[in-house]
Amino acid sequence: MPTVISAINGKGGAGKTTALMNIAGEYALRGLTVAMVDMDARSNLTKWWSDCREKEAQAEGIDVLGHKTAKAVSAFLDRAADSFDYVLIDTPGEDTAIIDPVIGWSDLVISPIQASKREVLGAIDCFESVLR
C-alpha cells in the first residue's frame, strides 16, 4: 500500500501544489515511484506537468493524474496499492466535500501557509478537520 500525503488548505495560493511538486521530486531522485493526484478544478498541477513535458524536464518515476471526485480517487487508490511508493494528493484551495475523504485516505496531511492571518486560520480549519 502506498503512503498517501495530501496538501490541504482552504485558501488558494498557499503553496500546496509547490510543496507537493518538491516532495515528489525528492522522492523521484531517491528512486521511488510517485503518483500525484490533481483534485483542484484549476488543474495547476496538471498544467505544471504538461509544461515540464514540453521542456523535456519530467522526472522519472512520477505520474500525474487528474481526478476531481472522491469516488474516482478512491477507485484509483484501490488500484494503485502495488504500483506506487507514494501518492500525493493536491486539493482545491477551498473547503469542499472532498476534503474529509482525502483526510481519511492520508497517512500525512500538510497545510502549507504564508505568513498571513487568513492562511493561519485556514491551517487551523485543516487541523480541526483532521482531528474529527
N, C-alpha and C. Protein backbone atom coordinates (compact mmCIF):
# COMPACT_ATOMS: atom_id res chain seq x y z
N MET A 1 0.85 -1.18 0.00
CA MET A 1 0.00 0.00 0.00
C MET A 1 0.89 1.24 0.00
N PRO A 2 0.61 2.20 -0.86
CA PRO A 2 1.45 3.40 -0.89
C PRO A 2 1.20 4.28 0.33
N THR A 3 2.18 5.10 0.65
CA THR A 3 2.00 6.14 1.66
C THR A 3 1.29 7.30 0.97
N VAL A 4 0.21 7.79 1.57
CA VAL A 4 -0.58 8.87 0.98
C VAL A 4 -0.32 10.16 1.76
N ILE A 5 0.11 11.18 1.03
CA ILE A 5 0.34 12.51 1.60
C ILE A 5 -0.58 13.48 0.87
N SER A 6 -1.33 14.26 1.63
CA SER A 6 -2.20 15.25 1.00
C SER A 6 -1.83 16.64 1.47
N ALA A 7 -2.07 17.60 0.60
CA ALA A 7 -1.86 19.02 0.93
C ALA A 7 -3.23 19.68 0.96
N ILE A 8 -3.57 20.24 2.13
CA ILE A 8 -4.89 20.82 2.32
C ILE A 8 -4.75 22.19 2.95
N ASN A 9 -5.44 23.16 2.39
CA ASN A 9 -5.58 24.49 2.97
C ASN A 9 -6.77 25.12 2.28
N GLY A 10 -7.65 25.74 3.05
CA GLY A 10 -8.87 26.31 2.49
C GLY A 10 -8.66 27.55 1.66
N LYS A 11 -7.42 27.90 1.39
CA LYS A 11 -7.13 29.11 0.62
C LYS A 11 -6.26 28.74 -0.57
N GLY A 12 -6.58 29.28 -1.72
CA GLY A 12 -5.75 29.08 -2.90
C GLY A 12 -4.47 29.89 -2.79
N GLY A 13 -3.43 29.42 -3.44
CA GLY A 13 -2.16 30.16 -3.45
C GLY A 13 -1.33 29.99 -2.20
N ALA A 14 -1.68 29.00 -1.38
CA ALA A 14 -0.97 28.80 -0.12
C ALA A 14 0.35 28.07 -0.31
N GLY A 15 0.53 27.41 -1.44
CA GLY A 15 1.77 26.67 -1.70
C GLY A 15 1.59 25.17 -1.69
N LYS A 16 0.34 24.69 -1.74
CA LYS A 16 0.09 23.24 -1.71
C LYS A 16 0.73 22.54 -2.91
N THR A 17 0.45 23.04 -4.09
CA THR A 17 0.97 22.41 -5.31
C THR A 17 2.49 22.45 -5.33
N THR A 18 3.06 23.59 -5.00
CA THR A 18 4.52 23.73 -4.99
C THR A 18 5.16 22.77 -3.99
N ALA A 19 4.59 22.67 -2.80
CA ALA A 19 5.13 21.76 -1.78
C ALA A 19 5.10 20.32 -2.28
N LEU A 20 3.98 19.91 -2.86
CA LEU A 20 3.88 18.53 -3.34
C LEU A 20 4.82 18.27 -4.51
N MET A 21 5.00 19.26 -5.39
CA MET A 21 5.94 19.08 -6.51
C MET A 21 7.35 18.85 -5.97
N ASN A 22 7.73 19.60 -4.95
CA ASN A 22 9.07 19.43 -4.37
C ASN A 22 9.22 18.09 -3.67
N ILE A 23 8.19 17.66 -2.96
CA ILE A 23 8.24 16.36 -2.30
C ILE A 23 8.35 15.25 -3.34
N ALA A 24 7.53 15.32 -4.39
CA ALA A 24 7.58 14.31 -5.45
C ALA A 24 8.95 14.26 -6.10
N GLY A 25 9.51 15.43 -6.37
CA GLY A 25 10.84 15.48 -6.99
C GLY A 25 11.90 14.83 -6.12
N GLU A 26 11.84 15.07 -4.83
CA GLU A 26 12.81 14.46 -3.92
C GLU A 26 12.66 12.94 -3.89
N TYR A 27 11.42 12.47 -3.80
CA TYR A 27 11.21 11.02 -3.80
C TYR A 27 11.68 10.39 -5.11
N ALA A 28 11.41 11.05 -6.23
CA ALA A 28 11.85 10.53 -7.53
C ALA A 28 13.37 10.46 -7.60
N LEU A 29 14.05 11.48 -7.06
CA LEU A 29 15.52 11.45 -7.03
C LEU A 29 16.05 10.28 -6.22
N ARG A 30 15.27 9.84 -5.25
CA ARG A 30 15.66 8.69 -4.41
C ARG A 30 15.28 7.36 -5.05
N GLY A 31 14.71 7.41 -6.26
CA GLY A 31 14.36 6.19 -6.98
C GLY A 31 13.00 5.62 -6.61
N LEU A 32 12.17 6.40 -5.93
CA LEU A 32 10.85 5.93 -5.53
C LEU A 32 9.83 6.32 -6.60
N THR A 33 8.71 5.61 -6.63
CA THR A 33 7.65 5.92 -7.58
C THR A 33 6.56 6.74 -6.90
N VAL A 34 6.08 7.75 -7.62
CA VAL A 34 5.13 8.71 -7.04
C VAL A 34 3.98 8.94 -8.01
N ALA A 35 2.76 8.87 -7.48
CA ALA A 35 1.57 9.31 -8.21
C ALA A 35 1.12 10.62 -7.59
N MET A 36 0.96 11.62 -8.42
CA MET A 36 0.44 12.90 -7.95
C MET A 36 -0.98 13.03 -8.49
N VAL A 37 -1.93 13.23 -7.59
CA VAL A 37 -3.34 13.31 -7.95
C VAL A 37 -3.79 14.76 -7.85
N ASP A 38 -4.22 15.31 -8.97
CA ASP A 38 -4.67 16.70 -9.04
C ASP A 38 -6.18 16.74 -8.88
N MET A 39 -6.65 17.15 -7.69
CA MET A 39 -8.09 17.24 -7.43
C MET A 39 -8.61 18.67 -7.56
N ASP A 40 -7.74 19.61 -7.87
CA ASP A 40 -8.14 21.01 -7.96
C ASP A 40 -8.73 21.30 -9.34
N ALA A 41 -9.89 21.95 -9.37
CA ALA A 41 -10.55 22.28 -10.64
C ALA A 41 -9.68 23.19 -11.51
N ARG A 42 -8.78 23.94 -10.90
CA ARG A 42 -7.88 24.81 -11.67
C ARG A 42 -6.78 24.01 -12.37
N SER A 43 -6.56 22.81 -11.93
CA SER A 43 -5.60 21.88 -12.56
C SER A 43 -4.19 22.43 -12.66
N ASN A 44 -3.75 23.19 -11.67
CA ASN A 44 -2.39 23.76 -11.72
C ASN A 44 -1.31 22.68 -11.74
N LEU A 45 -1.51 21.60 -11.01
CA LEU A 45 -0.53 20.52 -11.00
C LEU A 45 -0.43 19.88 -12.39
N THR A 46 -1.56 19.61 -13.00
CA THR A 46 -1.57 19.02 -14.34
C THR A 46 -0.93 19.96 -15.35
N LYS A 47 -1.21 21.25 -15.25
CA LYS A 47 -0.60 22.24 -16.15
C LYS A 47 0.91 22.29 -15.96
N TRP A 48 1.36 22.25 -14.70
CA TRP A 48 2.79 22.24 -14.42
C TRP A 48 3.45 21.02 -15.07
N TRP A 49 2.82 19.87 -14.95
CA TRP A 49 3.38 18.64 -15.51
C TRP A 49 3.45 18.71 -17.03
N SER A 50 2.43 19.31 -17.64
CA SER A 50 2.45 19.50 -19.10
C SER A 50 3.58 20.43 -19.52
N ASP A 51 3.79 21.49 -18.74
CA ASP A 51 4.91 22.40 -19.02
C ASP A 51 6.24 21.66 -18.93
N CYS A 52 6.38 20.79 -17.94
CA CYS A 52 7.61 20.00 -17.81
C CYS A 52 7.82 19.11 -19.02
N ARG A 53 6.73 18.51 -19.52
CA ARG A 53 6.83 17.63 -20.69
C ARG A 53 7.30 18.42 -21.90
N GLU A 54 6.75 19.62 -22.09
CA GLU A 54 7.15 20.46 -23.22
C GLU A 54 8.62 20.84 -23.15
N LYS A 55 9.14 20.98 -21.95
CA LYS A 55 10.55 21.34 -21.76
C LYS A 55 11.44 20.11 -21.61
N GLU A 56 10.84 18.93 -21.79
CA GLU A 56 11.55 17.66 -21.61
C GLU A 56 12.24 17.61 -20.25
N ALA A 57 11.48 18.02 -19.22
CA ALA A 57 12.03 18.08 -17.87
C ALA A 57 11.19 17.29 -16.87
N GLN A 58 10.50 16.25 -17.34
CA GLN A 58 9.73 15.43 -16.42
C GLN A 58 10.64 14.44 -15.73
N ALA A 59 10.49 14.35 -14.43
CA ALA A 59 11.30 13.42 -13.64
C ALA A 59 10.81 11.99 -13.85
N GLU A 60 11.74 11.06 -13.89
CA GLU A 60 11.40 9.64 -13.97
C GLU A 60 10.73 9.23 -12.66
N GLY A 61 9.73 8.37 -12.76
CA GLY A 61 9.11 7.82 -11.56
C GLY A 61 7.93 8.61 -11.02
N ILE A 62 7.52 9.68 -11.73
CA ILE A 62 6.37 10.48 -11.29
C ILE A 62 5.28 10.40 -12.36
N ASP A 63 4.07 10.06 -11.92
CA ASP A 63 2.89 10.11 -12.79
C ASP A 63 1.94 11.14 -12.21
N VAL A 64 1.33 11.95 -13.05
CA VAL A 64 0.34 12.94 -12.62
C VAL A 64 -1.01 12.56 -13.20
N LEU A 65 -1.99 12.49 -12.33
CA LEU A 65 -3.33 12.07 -12.72
C LEU A 65 -4.34 13.11 -12.26
N GLY A 66 -5.32 13.40 -13.08
CA GLY A 66 -6.37 14.33 -12.71
C GLY A 66 -7.63 13.59 -12.32
N HIS A 67 -7.97 13.63 -11.05
CA HIS A 67 -9.22 13.04 -10.55
C HIS A 67 -9.90 14.11 -9.71
N LYS A 68 -11.11 14.47 -10.05
CA LYS A 68 -11.79 15.57 -9.37
C LYS A 68 -12.81 15.11 -8.34
N THR A 69 -13.14 13.82 -8.30
CA THR A 69 -14.15 13.35 -7.34
C THR A 69 -13.54 12.36 -6.36
N ALA A 70 -14.15 12.30 -5.18
CA ALA A 70 -13.69 11.35 -4.16
C ALA A 70 -13.83 9.92 -4.66
N LYS A 71 -14.90 9.64 -5.38
CA LYS A 71 -15.12 8.28 -5.91
C LYS A 71 -13.99 7.87 -6.85
N ALA A 72 -13.59 8.78 -7.73
CA ALA A 72 -12.51 8.48 -8.69
C ALA A 72 -11.19 8.25 -7.98
N VAL A 73 -10.89 9.07 -6.97
CA VAL A 73 -9.63 8.91 -6.24
C VAL A 73 -9.65 7.61 -5.43
N SER A 74 -10.78 7.31 -4.82
CA SER A 74 -10.89 6.06 -4.06
C SER A 74 -10.65 4.85 -4.96
N ALA A 75 -11.23 4.86 -6.14
CA ALA A 75 -11.02 3.76 -7.10
C ALA A 75 -9.55 3.69 -7.51
N PHE A 76 -8.93 4.85 -7.73
CA PHE A 76 -7.51 4.87 -8.09
C PHE A 76 -6.66 4.29 -6.96
N LEU A 77 -6.95 4.69 -5.72
CA LEU A 77 -6.17 4.19 -4.58
C LEU A 77 -6.31 2.68 -4.44
N ASP A 78 -7.48 2.14 -4.71
CA ASP A 78 -7.67 0.69 -4.66
C ASP A 78 -6.79 -0.01 -5.69
N ARG A 79 -6.61 0.61 -6.86
CA ARG A 79 -5.79 0.01 -7.92
C ARG A 79 -4.31 0.29 -7.74
N ALA A 80 -3.95 1.38 -7.06
CA ALA A 80 -2.56 1.84 -7.00
C ALA A 80 -1.72 1.17 -5.93
N ALA A 81 -2.31 0.36 -5.12
CA ALA A 81 -1.61 -0.18 -3.95
C ALA A 81 -0.24 -0.76 -4.29
N ASP A 82 -0.14 -1.48 -5.38
CA ASP A 82 1.13 -2.12 -5.71
C ASP A 82 1.95 -1.35 -6.74
N SER A 83 1.43 -0.24 -7.25
CA SER A 83 2.10 0.46 -8.34
C SER A 83 3.00 1.60 -7.92
N PHE A 84 2.76 2.19 -6.75
CA PHE A 84 3.49 3.39 -6.33
C PHE A 84 3.95 3.28 -4.89
N ASP A 85 5.08 3.93 -4.61
CA ASP A 85 5.55 4.03 -3.23
C ASP A 85 4.78 5.12 -2.48
N TYR A 86 4.49 6.21 -3.19
CA TYR A 86 3.80 7.36 -2.59
C TYR A 86 2.69 7.85 -3.51
N VAL A 87 1.60 8.31 -2.91
CA VAL A 87 0.55 9.02 -3.63
C VAL A 87 0.42 10.37 -2.95
N LEU A 88 0.58 11.44 -3.74
CA LEU A 88 0.47 12.80 -3.23
C LEU A 88 -0.79 13.42 -3.80
N ILE A 89 -1.65 13.94 -2.93
CA ILE A 89 -2.94 14.48 -3.37
C ILE A 89 -2.97 15.99 -3.19
N ASP A 90 -3.17 16.68 -4.30
CA ASP A 90 -3.29 18.14 -4.32
C ASP A 90 -4.77 18.50 -4.32
N THR A 91 -5.21 19.22 -3.29
CA THR A 91 -6.63 19.53 -3.14
C THR A 91 -6.93 20.97 -3.54
N PRO A 92 -8.22 21.28 -3.76
CA PRO A 92 -8.59 22.66 -4.10
C PRO A 92 -8.31 23.62 -2.94
N GLY A 93 -8.12 24.87 -3.27
CA GLY A 93 -7.90 25.90 -2.27
C GLY A 93 -9.21 26.45 -1.74
N GLU A 94 -10.09 25.56 -1.38
CA GLU A 94 -11.38 25.93 -0.80
C GLU A 94 -11.90 24.74 -0.03
N ASP A 95 -12.78 25.00 0.90
CA ASP A 95 -13.35 23.92 1.71
C ASP A 95 -14.46 23.25 0.90
N THR A 96 -14.24 22.02 0.49
CA THR A 96 -15.23 21.29 -0.30
C THR A 96 -15.50 19.94 0.35
N ALA A 97 -16.49 19.24 -0.16
CA ALA A 97 -16.87 17.94 0.38
C ALA A 97 -15.78 16.88 0.19
N ILE A 98 -14.82 17.13 -0.69
CA ILE A 98 -13.79 16.10 -0.92
C ILE A 98 -12.72 16.10 0.17
N ILE A 99 -12.66 17.13 1.00
CA ILE A 99 -11.58 17.23 1.98
C ILE A 99 -11.64 16.11 3.00
N ASP A 100 -12.82 15.80 3.54
CA ASP A 100 -12.92 14.75 4.56
C ASP A 100 -12.46 13.38 4.05
N PRO A 101 -12.90 12.94 2.85
CA PRO A 101 -12.37 11.66 2.36
C PRO A 101 -10.86 11.69 2.14
N VAL A 102 -10.34 12.81 1.65
CA VAL A 102 -8.89 12.91 1.42
C VAL A 102 -8.15 12.74 2.74
N ILE A 103 -8.63 13.39 3.79
CA ILE A 103 -8.00 13.23 5.11
C ILE A 103 -8.05 11.77 5.54
N GLY A 104 -9.18 11.12 5.31
CA GLY A 104 -9.32 9.71 5.69
C GLY A 104 -8.34 8.80 4.98
N TRP A 105 -7.99 9.10 3.73
CA TRP A 105 -7.04 8.26 2.99
C TRP A 105 -5.60 8.55 3.36
N SER A 106 -5.34 9.69 3.97
CA SER A 106 -3.97 10.20 4.13
C SER A 106 -3.25 9.62 5.34
N ASP A 107 -1.99 9.29 5.10
CA ASP A 107 -1.09 8.95 6.20
C ASP A 107 -0.50 10.21 6.80
N LEU A 108 -0.40 11.26 5.98
CA LEU A 108 0.15 12.54 6.41
C LEU A 108 -0.60 13.65 5.69
N VAL A 109 -1.01 14.68 6.44
CA VAL A 109 -1.65 15.86 5.87
C VAL A 109 -0.74 17.05 6.13
N ILE A 110 -0.40 17.77 5.06
CA ILE A 110 0.37 19.01 5.24
C ILE A 110 -0.53 20.18 4.87
N SER A 111 -0.28 21.31 5.52
CA SER A 111 -1.07 22.51 5.25
C SER A 111 -0.12 23.69 5.12
N PRO A 112 0.47 23.86 3.93
CA PRO A 112 1.41 24.97 3.73
C PRO A 112 0.70 26.31 3.91
N ILE A 113 1.38 27.25 4.53
CA ILE A 113 0.80 28.58 4.71
C ILE A 113 1.84 29.66 4.49
N GLN A 114 1.35 30.82 4.11
CA GLN A 114 2.16 32.03 4.07
C GLN A 114 1.92 32.76 5.39
N ALA A 115 2.71 33.75 5.67
CA ALA A 115 2.58 34.47 6.94
C ALA A 115 1.46 35.50 6.85
N SER A 116 0.22 35.02 6.95
CA SER A 116 -0.93 35.94 6.97
C SER A 116 -2.01 35.34 7.86
N LYS A 117 -2.82 36.19 8.43
CA LYS A 117 -3.89 35.74 9.33
C LYS A 117 -4.84 34.78 8.61
N ARG A 118 -5.22 35.11 7.39
CA ARG A 118 -6.17 34.28 6.65
C ARG A 118 -5.63 32.86 6.43
N GLU A 119 -4.36 32.75 6.12
CA GLU A 119 -3.79 31.42 5.88
C GLU A 119 -3.61 30.64 7.17
N VAL A 120 -3.26 31.32 8.24
CA VAL A 120 -3.16 30.65 9.54
C VAL A 120 -4.53 30.11 9.94
N LEU A 121 -5.57 30.90 9.73
CA LEU A 121 -6.93 30.44 10.04
C LEU A 121 -7.31 29.24 9.17
N GLY A 122 -6.88 29.25 7.91
CA GLY A 122 -7.12 28.10 7.03
C GLY A 122 -6.41 26.86 7.53
N ALA A 123 -5.19 27.01 8.03
CA ALA A 123 -4.45 25.87 8.58
C ALA A 123 -5.13 25.34 9.83
N ILE A 124 -5.66 26.24 10.65
CA ILE A 124 -6.39 25.82 11.85
C ILE A 124 -7.63 25.02 11.45
N ASP A 125 -8.36 25.48 10.44
CA ASP A 125 -9.52 24.73 9.95
C ASP A 125 -9.11 23.34 9.47
N CYS A 126 -8.00 23.26 8.76
CA CYS A 126 -7.48 21.98 8.29
C CYS A 126 -7.17 21.07 9.47
N PHE A 127 -6.48 21.59 10.46
CA PHE A 127 -6.11 20.82 11.65
C PHE A 127 -7.37 20.30 12.35
N GLU A 128 -8.38 21.16 12.49
CA GLU A 128 -9.62 20.73 13.13
C GLU A 128 -10.31 19.64 12.33
N SER A 129 -10.24 19.70 11.01
CA SER A 129 -10.82 18.65 10.17
C SER A 129 -10.10 17.33 10.37
N VAL A 130 -8.79 17.38 10.50
CA VAL A 130 -8.01 16.16 10.73
C VAL A 130 -8.39 15.53 12.07
N LEU A 131 -8.64 16.35 13.07
CA LEU A 131 -8.98 15.84 14.40
C LEU A 131 -10.35 15.17 14.44
N ARG A 132 -11.25 15.53 13.51
CA ARG A 132 -12.60 14.93 13.51
C ARG A 132 -12.56 13.50 13.18
